N, C-alpha and C. Protein backbone atom coordinates (compact mmCIF):
# COMPACT_ATOMS: atom_id res chain seq x y z
N MET A 1 100.81 104.98 13.28
CA MET A 1 101.58 104.49 12.05
C MET A 1 103.18 104.83 12.71
N ASN A 2 103.99 103.60 12.49
CA ASN A 2 105.38 103.75 13.03
C ASN A 2 105.80 104.48 11.14
N PRO A 3 106.98 105.48 11.53
CA PRO A 3 107.21 105.91 10.24
C PRO A 3 107.95 104.90 9.46
N LEU A 4 108.77 104.41 10.31
CA LEU A 4 110.14 103.55 10.22
C LEU A 4 108.98 101.67 9.01
N LEU A 5 108.21 102.00 9.70
CA LEU A 5 107.53 100.51 8.47
C LEU A 5 107.35 101.47 6.76
N LEU A 6 106.95 102.96 6.82
CA LEU A 6 106.91 103.33 5.75
C LEU A 6 108.57 102.94 4.53
N ILE A 7 109.20 102.99 5.15
CA ILE A 7 110.87 103.29 4.91
C ILE A 7 110.75 101.69 3.56
N PRO A 8 110.53 100.51 4.02
CA PRO A 8 111.04 99.52 2.71
C PRO A 8 109.91 99.70 1.83
N ILE A 9 108.73 99.71 1.89
CA ILE A 9 107.70 100.28 0.82
C ILE A 9 107.90 101.30 0.00
N LEU A 10 108.60 102.34 0.31
CA LEU A 10 108.80 103.61 -0.40
C LEU A 10 109.94 103.27 -1.14
N THR A 11 111.58 102.61 -0.39
CA THR A 11 112.13 102.07 -1.47
C THR A 11 111.82 101.28 -2.40
N ALA A 12 111.31 99.96 -1.97
CA ALA A 12 110.58 98.87 -2.98
C ALA A 12 110.44 99.92 -3.94
N LEU A 13 109.57 100.60 -4.65
CA LEU A 13 108.62 101.66 -4.96
C LEU A 13 109.35 102.37 -6.05
N LEU A 14 110.63 102.53 -4.62
CA LEU A 14 111.99 103.55 -5.92
C LEU A 14 112.29 102.99 -6.46
N GLY A 15 112.90 101.09 -6.57
CA GLY A 15 113.76 100.79 -7.37
C GLY A 15 112.88 99.91 -8.53
N TRP A 16 111.41 99.72 -8.36
CA TRP A 16 110.75 99.67 -9.76
C TRP A 16 110.72 100.55 -9.92
N PHE A 17 110.60 101.90 -9.57
CA PHE A 17 110.27 103.26 -10.35
C PHE A 17 111.50 103.57 -11.46
N LEU A 18 112.90 103.13 -10.74
CA LEU A 18 114.03 103.51 -11.69
C LEU A 18 114.61 102.49 -12.60
N ALA A 19 114.12 101.48 -12.20
CA ALA A 19 113.93 100.06 -13.77
C ALA A 19 113.14 100.39 -14.70
N TRP A 20 111.56 100.66 -14.11
CA TRP A 20 110.92 101.19 -15.12
C TRP A 20 110.90 102.30 -15.71
N PHE A 21 111.78 103.45 -15.49
CA PHE A 21 112.31 104.63 -15.44
C PHE A 21 113.49 104.18 -17.10
N PHE A 22 114.20 103.41 -15.95
CA PHE A 22 115.85 103.36 -17.35
C PHE A 22 114.68 103.31 -18.67
N VAL A 23 113.90 102.06 -18.73
CA VAL A 23 113.61 101.47 -20.21
C VAL A 23 112.54 102.56 -20.81
N LYS A 24 111.66 102.81 -20.10
CA LYS A 24 111.01 104.47 -20.39
C LYS A 24 111.94 105.65 -20.92
N SER A 25 112.64 105.27 -20.71
CA SER A 25 113.96 106.69 -20.74
C SER A 25 114.90 106.57 -22.20
N LEU A 26 114.36 105.43 -22.48
CA LEU A 26 115.14 105.16 -24.30
C LEU A 26 113.99 105.48 -25.52
N PHE A 27 112.82 105.91 -24.61
CA PHE A 27 111.57 106.45 -25.77
C PHE A 27 111.17 107.75 -25.51
N LEU A 28 111.42 108.07 -24.53
CA LEU A 28 111.44 109.38 -23.71
C LEU A 28 111.78 110.50 -24.46
N PRO A 29 111.43 112.05 -24.70
CA PRO A 29 110.17 112.24 -25.33
C PRO A 29 109.85 111.94 -26.33
N TYR A 30 109.04 111.67 -26.58
CA TYR A 30 107.94 110.99 -28.34
C TYR A 30 108.24 111.66 -28.76
N SER A 31 108.70 113.07 -29.18
CA SER A 31 109.47 114.15 -30.23
C SER A 31 110.39 114.76 -29.28
N THR A 32 111.37 115.41 -30.48
CA THR A 32 112.50 116.07 -29.58
C THR A 32 112.10 117.17 -29.34
N ILE A 33 111.87 117.44 -28.13
CA ILE A 33 111.89 119.55 -27.63
C ILE A 33 113.04 120.25 -27.20
N GLN A 34 112.75 121.38 -27.91
CA GLN A 34 114.03 122.03 -27.72
C GLN A 34 113.74 123.65 -27.45
N ILE A 35 114.28 123.82 -26.20
CA ILE A 35 114.18 125.04 -25.40
C ILE A 35 116.04 126.23 -25.59
N GLY A 36 115.68 127.18 -26.08
CA GLY A 36 116.76 127.48 -26.42
C GLY A 36 117.79 127.05 -27.60
N SER A 37 118.98 126.96 -26.57
CA SER A 37 120.28 125.93 -27.32
C SER A 37 120.04 124.25 -26.93
N PHE A 38 118.90 124.09 -25.13
CA PHE A 38 119.71 122.65 -24.87
C PHE A 38 118.31 121.73 -25.99
N LYS A 39 118.51 121.11 -26.25
CA LYS A 39 118.09 119.97 -27.25
C LYS A 39 117.97 118.61 -26.26
N TRP A 40 116.42 118.05 -26.15
CA TRP A 40 116.67 116.63 -25.67
C TRP A 40 116.00 115.18 -26.61
N GLU A 41 116.29 115.04 -27.38
CA GLU A 41 115.88 113.96 -28.22
C GLU A 41 116.05 112.57 -26.76
N PRO A 42 115.17 111.49 -27.94
CA PRO A 42 114.82 109.84 -27.24
C PRO A 42 116.11 109.57 -27.00
N GLY A 43 116.44 108.57 -26.31
CA GLY A 43 117.94 107.97 -25.41
C GLY A 43 117.85 107.24 -26.59
N LEU A 44 116.38 106.73 -27.78
CA LEU A 44 117.13 105.56 -28.65
C LEU A 44 117.47 105.91 -30.15
N LYS A 45 116.94 107.19 -29.72
CA LYS A 45 117.22 108.01 -30.92
C LYS A 45 119.13 108.27 -31.48
N GLN A 46 119.09 108.95 -29.95
CA GLN A 46 120.56 109.17 -29.55
C GLN A 46 121.90 107.95 -30.09
N LEU A 47 120.99 107.31 -29.83
CA LEU A 47 121.92 105.35 -29.79
C LEU A 47 121.43 105.19 -30.82
N ILE A 48 120.48 105.53 -31.73
CA ILE A 48 121.04 105.31 -33.02
C ILE A 48 122.26 106.32 -34.34
N ALA A 49 122.28 107.30 -33.69
CA ALA A 49 122.81 109.00 -34.53
C ALA A 49 123.99 108.88 -33.94
N LYS A 50 124.91 107.59 -33.27
CA LYS A 50 126.27 107.83 -32.80
C LYS A 50 126.85 106.35 -33.56
N LEU A 51 125.56 105.78 -33.59
CA LEU A 51 125.77 104.41 -34.18
C LEU A 51 127.10 104.85 -35.79
N PRO A 52 128.20 104.08 -36.34
CA PRO A 52 129.41 103.95 -36.51
C PRO A 52 128.94 103.64 -38.17
N ILE A 53 127.58 103.69 -38.38
CA ILE A 53 127.10 103.15 -39.38
C ILE A 53 128.15 102.92 -40.45
N GLU A 54 128.48 104.59 -41.45
CA GLU A 54 129.65 104.66 -42.02
C GLU A 54 131.03 104.20 -42.35
N GLN A 55 131.08 104.01 -40.99
CA GLN A 55 133.25 103.66 -40.45
C GLN A 55 132.75 102.33 -40.49
N LEU A 56 131.58 102.00 -40.29
CA LEU A 56 131.76 99.61 -40.94
C LEU A 56 131.69 99.63 -42.53
N LEU A 57 130.77 100.46 -43.22
CA LEU A 57 130.45 100.60 -44.51
C LEU A 57 131.85 100.98 -45.13
N GLU A 58 132.33 101.80 -45.08
CA GLU A 58 133.32 102.62 -45.63
C GLU A 58 134.80 101.88 -45.45
N SER A 59 135.05 100.04 -44.39
CA SER A 59 136.21 100.22 -44.72
C SER A 59 137.04 99.99 -46.04
N ASP A 60 138.03 99.77 -45.76
CA ASP A 60 139.22 99.04 -47.24
C ASP A 60 138.26 97.62 -47.40
N GLU A 61 138.21 96.21 -46.74
CA GLU A 61 137.94 95.70 -46.96
C GLU A 61 136.73 95.60 -47.54
N ALA A 62 135.41 96.06 -46.59
CA ALA A 62 134.19 95.90 -47.89
C ALA A 62 134.02 96.87 -48.58
N LYS A 63 134.91 98.08 -49.01
CA LYS A 63 135.06 98.92 -50.62
C LYS A 63 135.27 97.57 -51.88
N ASN A 64 136.80 97.05 -51.01
CA ASN A 64 137.22 96.05 -51.92
C ASN A 64 136.55 94.83 -52.99
N GLY A 65 136.31 94.07 -51.53
CA GLY A 65 135.33 92.95 -51.03
C GLY A 65 134.44 93.06 -52.00
N THR A 66 133.50 94.10 -51.69
CA THR A 66 132.29 94.25 -51.39
C THR A 66 132.17 94.63 -53.50
N PHE A 67 132.83 95.86 -53.83
CA PHE A 67 132.35 95.91 -55.48
C PHE A 67 133.44 94.82 -56.12
N ASP A 68 134.60 93.41 -55.74
CA ASP A 68 134.76 92.73 -57.04
C ASP A 68 133.63 91.54 -56.69
N ALA A 69 132.50 91.62 -55.63
CA ALA A 69 131.62 90.76 -55.43
C ALA A 69 130.77 90.70 -56.64
N ILE A 70 130.11 92.51 -56.56
CA ILE A 70 129.61 92.69 -57.17
C ILE A 70 129.37 92.97 -58.82
N LEU A 71 131.11 92.86 -59.10
CA LEU A 71 131.32 93.28 -60.35
C LEU A 71 131.05 92.52 -61.46
N PRO A 72 131.25 90.24 -61.39
CA PRO A 72 130.17 89.64 -62.52
C PRO A 72 129.58 91.01 -63.00
N PHE A 73 128.13 91.38 -61.71
CA PHE A 73 126.77 91.46 -61.94
C PHE A 73 126.75 92.52 -63.30
N ILE A 74 128.20 93.60 -62.35
CA ILE A 74 127.10 94.74 -62.92
C ILE A 74 128.53 94.59 -64.45
N ASP A 75 129.59 93.36 -64.87
CA ASP A 75 130.26 93.14 -66.25
C ASP A 75 129.07 92.96 -67.29
N ASP A 76 127.57 92.44 -65.65
CA ASP A 76 126.63 91.83 -67.03
C ASP A 76 125.82 92.87 -67.05
N LYS A 77 125.61 93.36 -66.75
CA LYS A 77 124.66 94.30 -66.50
C LYS A 77 124.89 96.01 -67.59
N LEU A 78 126.23 96.09 -67.93
CA LEU A 78 126.50 96.59 -68.84
C LEU A 78 126.72 96.26 -70.05
N ASP A 79 127.05 94.49 -70.12
CA ASP A 79 126.57 94.27 -71.37
C ASP A 79 125.29 94.03 -72.09
N ASP A 80 124.84 93.56 -71.26
CA ASP A 80 123.04 94.19 -71.83
C ASP A 80 122.59 95.72 -71.56
N PHE A 81 123.55 95.58 -71.43
CA PHE A 81 122.92 98.04 -71.68
C PHE A 81 123.25 98.31 -73.12
N PHE A 82 124.53 98.20 -73.16
CA PHE A 82 125.40 98.40 -74.33
C PHE A 82 125.15 97.77 -75.42
N LYS A 83 124.35 96.30 -75.60
CA LYS A 83 124.74 95.92 -77.13
C LYS A 83 122.68 95.43 -77.88
N HIS A 84 121.61 95.75 -76.12
CA HIS A 84 120.37 95.39 -75.95
C HIS A 84 120.01 97.22 -75.66
N LYS A 85 119.68 97.17 -74.63
CA LYS A 85 118.72 98.83 -74.53
C LYS A 85 119.93 99.70 -75.07
N LEU A 86 120.76 99.97 -75.58
CA LEU A 86 121.51 100.91 -76.16
C LEU A 86 120.61 100.81 -77.61
N GLY A 87 120.51 100.02 -78.41
CA GLY A 87 120.17 99.77 -79.38
C GLY A 87 119.00 100.41 -79.68
N GLU A 88 117.82 99.72 -78.45
CA GLU A 88 116.31 99.95 -78.83
C GLU A 88 116.07 101.52 -78.38
N LYS A 89 116.96 101.82 -77.45
CA LYS A 89 116.95 103.61 -76.84
C LYS A 89 117.14 104.44 -78.51
N LEU A 90 118.94 104.05 -78.72
CA LEU A 90 119.59 104.94 -80.29
C LEU A 90 119.67 103.88 -80.98
N PRO A 91 118.62 103.62 -81.87
CA PRO A 91 118.98 102.68 -83.06
C PRO A 91 120.74 102.92 -83.69
N MET A 92 120.41 104.14 -84.33
CA MET A 92 121.62 105.25 -84.92
C MET A 92 123.30 104.99 -84.22
N ILE A 93 122.83 104.47 -82.66
CA ILE A 93 124.27 104.88 -82.36
C ILE A 93 124.88 103.50 -82.30
N SER A 94 124.05 102.42 -81.81
CA SER A 94 123.95 100.92 -81.91
C SER A 94 124.81 100.27 -83.48
N MET A 95 124.59 101.33 -84.71
CA MET A 95 125.39 100.63 -85.57
C MET A 95 126.87 100.95 -85.42
N PHE A 96 127.38 102.03 -84.78
CA PHE A 96 128.64 102.43 -85.31
C PHE A 96 129.80 101.54 -83.47
N ILE A 97 128.85 100.79 -82.67
CA ILE A 97 129.38 100.16 -81.34
C ILE A 97 129.66 98.69 -81.88
N GLY A 98 131.04 98.37 -82.28
CA GLY A 98 131.14 96.97 -82.00
C GLY A 98 131.49 96.64 -80.84
N GLU A 99 132.02 95.33 -80.92
CA GLU A 99 132.22 94.22 -79.78
C GLU A 99 134.09 95.30 -78.83
N LYS A 100 134.84 95.44 -79.19
CA LYS A 100 135.53 96.30 -79.11
C LYS A 100 135.28 97.50 -78.25
N THR A 101 134.74 98.69 -78.88
CA THR A 101 133.79 99.42 -78.59
C THR A 101 133.37 98.98 -77.33
N ILE A 102 132.34 98.22 -76.86
CA ILE A 102 131.47 97.61 -75.61
C ILE A 102 132.72 97.02 -74.41
N GLY A 103 133.36 96.61 -75.34
CA GLY A 103 134.28 96.44 -74.32
C GLY A 103 135.15 97.46 -73.02
N GLN A 104 135.89 98.15 -74.60
CA GLN A 104 136.35 99.58 -73.96
C GLN A 104 135.60 100.46 -73.15
N LEU A 105 134.10 100.69 -73.58
CA LEU A 105 133.10 101.20 -72.39
C LEU A 105 133.16 100.38 -71.26
N LYS A 106 133.00 99.10 -71.34
CA LYS A 106 132.31 98.94 -70.32
C LYS A 106 134.04 99.07 -69.49
N GLU A 107 135.04 98.83 -69.65
CA GLU A 107 136.30 99.34 -68.79
C GLU A 107 136.10 100.37 -68.11
N ILE A 108 136.01 101.46 -69.17
CA ILE A 108 135.95 102.97 -68.64
C ILE A 108 134.72 102.99 -67.46
N PHE A 109 133.46 103.10 -68.00
CA PHE A 109 131.93 102.53 -66.53
C PHE A 109 132.67 101.73 -65.23
N ILE A 110 133.51 101.00 -65.81
CA ILE A 110 133.76 100.19 -64.11
C ILE A 110 134.72 100.91 -63.31
N ALA A 111 135.73 101.06 -64.18
CA ALA A 111 137.32 102.11 -63.26
C ALA A 111 136.50 103.47 -62.74
N GLU A 112 135.67 103.68 -63.08
CA GLU A 112 134.20 105.31 -62.85
C GLU A 112 133.67 104.70 -62.15
N LEU A 113 132.87 103.50 -61.87
CA LEU A 113 132.45 102.53 -61.17
C LEU A 113 133.20 102.61 -59.63
N ARG A 114 134.29 102.37 -59.63
CA ARG A 114 135.23 102.37 -58.80
C ARG A 114 136.10 102.99 -57.97
N GLN A 115 135.79 103.51 -58.42
CA GLN A 115 136.30 105.51 -57.86
C GLN A 115 135.19 105.57 -56.96
N LEU A 116 133.85 105.52 -57.56
CA LEU A 116 132.47 106.41 -57.14
C LEU A 116 132.04 105.35 -56.22
N PHE A 117 132.31 104.02 -55.59
CA PHE A 117 131.83 103.38 -54.99
C PHE A 117 131.78 103.36 -53.55
N PRO A 118 133.33 103.75 -52.81
CA PRO A 118 133.28 104.12 -51.41
C PRO A 118 132.27 105.51 -51.02
N ASP A 119 132.29 106.49 -51.88
CA ASP A 119 131.16 107.30 -51.85
C ASP A 119 130.33 106.86 -51.34
N LEU A 120 129.57 106.28 -52.70
CA LEU A 120 128.13 105.38 -52.80
C LEU A 120 127.92 105.16 -51.72
N ILE A 121 129.04 103.95 -50.63
CA ILE A 121 128.70 103.08 -49.49
C ILE A 121 128.38 103.99 -48.46
N GLY A 122 128.96 105.32 -48.39
CA GLY A 122 129.20 106.43 -47.51
C GLY A 122 127.57 106.46 -47.49
N LYS A 123 127.04 107.23 -48.54
CA LYS A 123 125.52 108.02 -48.81
C LYS A 123 124.95 107.23 -48.38
N PHE A 124 125.11 105.37 -49.23
CA PHE A 124 123.81 104.62 -48.39
C PHE A 124 124.05 103.95 -46.30
N GLY A 125 124.86 104.09 -46.22
CA GLY A 125 125.37 103.72 -44.84
C GLY A 125 124.28 105.27 -44.35
N GLN A 126 125.35 106.62 -44.53
CA GLN A 126 124.18 107.89 -43.68
C GLN A 126 122.39 108.03 -44.61
N ASN A 127 122.06 107.74 -45.30
CA ASN A 127 120.64 107.12 -45.98
C ASN A 127 119.67 106.23 -44.73
N ILE A 128 121.20 104.97 -44.59
CA ILE A 128 120.87 103.99 -43.71
C ILE A 128 120.12 104.32 -42.38
N LYS A 129 121.31 105.58 -42.10
CA LYS A 129 121.73 105.94 -40.50
C LYS A 129 119.97 106.86 -40.32
N ASP A 130 119.69 107.59 -41.39
CA ASP A 130 118.32 108.68 -41.42
C ASP A 130 117.40 107.66 -41.21
N ASN A 131 117.63 107.05 -42.23
CA ASN A 131 116.54 105.95 -41.91
C ASN A 131 116.35 105.03 -40.61
N LEU A 132 116.84 104.80 -40.17
CA LEU A 132 116.05 104.10 -39.00
C LEU A 132 116.31 105.27 -37.89
N ILE A 133 116.65 106.49 -37.98
CA ILE A 133 115.82 106.80 -36.91
C ILE A 133 114.55 107.49 -37.22
N GLU A 134 114.61 107.68 -38.65
CA GLU A 134 113.15 108.49 -38.93
C GLU A 134 111.69 106.98 -38.72
N ASN A 135 112.98 105.51 -39.03
CA ASN A 135 111.00 104.49 -38.27
C ASN A 135 111.55 104.56 -37.26
N MET A 136 112.43 105.02 -35.87
CA MET A 136 111.85 104.55 -34.70
C MET A 136 111.22 105.24 -34.33
N GLU A 137 111.07 106.52 -34.66
CA GLU A 137 110.05 107.44 -34.04
C GLU A 137 109.16 106.92 -34.16
N GLN A 138 108.77 106.74 -36.00
CA GLN A 138 107.24 106.42 -36.33
C GLN A 138 107.05 104.70 -36.09
N LYS A 139 107.95 104.13 -36.43
CA LYS A 139 107.14 102.33 -36.34
C LYS A 139 107.57 101.75 -35.08
N TRP A 140 109.24 102.08 -35.22
CA TRP A 140 109.72 101.16 -34.14
C TRP A 140 109.16 101.52 -33.09
N ARG A 141 109.30 102.39 -32.08
CA ARG A 141 108.72 102.98 -31.20
C ARG A 141 107.64 102.21 -30.77
N PRO A 142 106.92 101.98 -31.53
CA PRO A 142 105.66 101.40 -30.79
C PRO A 142 105.33 99.81 -30.41
N LEU A 143 106.14 99.32 -31.27
CA LEU A 143 107.04 98.42 -31.49
C LEU A 143 107.52 97.67 -29.97
N LEU A 144 108.60 99.03 -29.92
CA LEU A 144 109.88 98.55 -29.23
C LEU A 144 109.20 98.29 -27.28
N GLU A 145 108.51 99.25 -27.27
CA GLU A 145 108.49 99.92 -26.20
C GLU A 145 107.41 98.58 -25.58
N PRO A 146 106.28 98.45 -26.38
CA PRO A 146 105.29 97.59 -24.84
C PRO A 146 106.48 96.28 -25.13
N SER A 147 107.16 95.87 -25.85
CA SER A 147 108.06 94.88 -26.05
C SER A 147 109.27 94.42 -24.58
N LEU A 148 110.09 95.80 -24.96
CA LEU A 148 110.84 95.76 -23.59
C LEU A 148 110.23 95.76 -22.38
N LEU A 149 109.23 96.75 -22.26
CA LEU A 149 108.51 97.13 -21.05
C LEU A 149 107.62 95.42 -20.73
N LYS A 150 107.88 94.36 -21.03
CA LYS A 150 107.61 93.67 -21.10
C LYS A 150 108.59 92.12 -20.29
N ALA A 151 108.92 92.59 -21.14
CA ALA A 151 111.10 91.51 -21.43
C ALA A 151 111.25 92.17 -20.03
N THR A 152 111.38 93.36 -19.80
CA THR A 152 111.71 93.71 -18.43
C THR A 152 111.31 93.41 -17.27
N LYS A 153 110.34 93.31 -17.05
CA LYS A 153 109.00 93.02 -16.35
C LYS A 153 110.11 92.31 -15.01
N PRO A 154 110.46 91.58 -15.07
CA PRO A 154 111.58 90.52 -13.83
C PRO A 154 112.24 91.65 -13.68
N LEU A 155 113.13 92.03 -13.60
CA LEU A 155 114.34 92.85 -13.67
C LEU A 155 113.67 94.27 -12.72
N ARG A 156 112.18 94.38 -13.01
CA ARG A 156 110.95 95.37 -12.68
C ARG A 156 111.22 94.74 -10.97
N ASN A 157 110.90 93.34 -10.94
CA ASN A 157 110.15 92.61 -10.06
C ASN A 157 111.30 92.50 -9.04
N ALA A 158 112.27 92.64 -9.74
CA ALA A 158 113.65 92.26 -9.10
C ALA A 158 114.55 93.26 -8.02
N SER A 159 114.30 94.06 -8.90
CA SER A 159 114.33 95.53 -8.43
C SER A 159 113.00 96.37 -7.33
N LEU A 160 111.75 95.62 -7.07
CA LEU A 160 110.65 95.50 -6.42
C LEU A 160 111.35 94.69 -4.75
N LEU A 161 111.93 93.54 -5.15
CA LEU A 161 111.95 93.38 -4.13
C LEU A 161 113.48 93.67 -3.37
N ILE A 162 114.72 93.71 -4.35
CA ILE A 162 115.87 94.37 -3.63
C ILE A 162 115.51 95.90 -2.35
N GLY A 163 115.14 96.54 -3.58
CA GLY A 163 114.24 97.49 -3.23
C GLY A 163 113.73 97.47 -1.28
N PHE A 164 112.46 96.42 -1.29
CA PHE A 164 112.54 96.26 -0.13
C PHE A 164 112.82 95.51 0.46
N ALA A 165 114.20 95.05 0.37
CA ALA A 165 114.84 94.19 1.13
C ALA A 165 115.78 95.39 1.75
N TRP A 166 116.58 96.85 0.93
CA TRP A 166 117.13 97.63 1.02
C TRP A 166 116.45 98.02 2.19
N GLY A 167 114.97 98.54 1.82
CA GLY A 167 113.89 99.34 2.62
C GLY A 167 114.20 98.58 4.33
N VAL A 168 113.90 97.22 4.79
CA VAL A 168 113.85 96.57 5.62
C VAL A 168 115.35 96.58 6.64
N LEU A 169 115.96 96.90 5.55
CA LEU A 169 118.05 97.03 6.55
C LEU A 169 117.99 98.07 6.72
N ILE A 170 117.09 99.48 6.08
CA ILE A 170 117.44 100.68 6.77
C ILE A 170 116.72 101.06 7.91
N ALA A 171 115.45 100.10 7.76
CA ALA A 171 114.48 100.49 9.09
C ALA A 171 115.30 99.71 10.37
N LEU A 172 115.85 98.63 10.10
CA LEU A 172 116.26 97.82 11.29
C LEU A 172 117.31 98.22 11.30
N ILE A 173 117.98 99.26 10.73
CA ILE A 173 119.35 100.06 11.23
C ILE A 173 119.15 101.07 12.06
N LEU A 174 118.02 101.75 12.06
CA LEU A 174 117.56 103.36 12.03
C LEU A 174 116.67 103.08 13.39
N ASN A 175 116.06 101.97 13.76
CA ASN A 175 115.45 101.28 14.91
C ASN A 175 116.13 101.12 15.95
N TRP A 176 117.34 101.19 15.58
CA TRP A 176 118.57 100.51 16.83
C TRP A 176 118.95 101.64 16.88
N PHE A 177 118.82 102.87 16.24
CA PHE A 177 119.74 104.05 16.81
C PHE A 177 118.62 105.18 17.44
């Protein structure tokens, strides 16, 4: 058998394998491997870890716009708390608190919440990222991996054909020399 005939087959298989490995490399290894100072984590986990979720949530427009958007909700909840729930839990204190005091307390609480809101958003963003990373390994990988492999099947088939065409071209060039 002529070894030049193996070149198209081998390059076709190499093209298919590279396309398959690219998709699998997003999920491999299934758990973090650490040898000394070397640490190998799944590619998708590294991508999620690099997402700037905190920066997106910490923009000035997001902070101010979001807080102002939920301010009526906060105001209603504080009003309900001071007028109803506080009286149920601490009846003695409710006797000494009037509308003016409730208004002042609401202003103080809202001012404090306005200062805390950016930090809350930052912590919320970090928690979202941590949950994404944790859920990626447990829930998403079993769902995403087969879907991505199925979606990239035409790409792998095209890689197989392109690899075969390159192999035929290489075999023809080598045959001339």
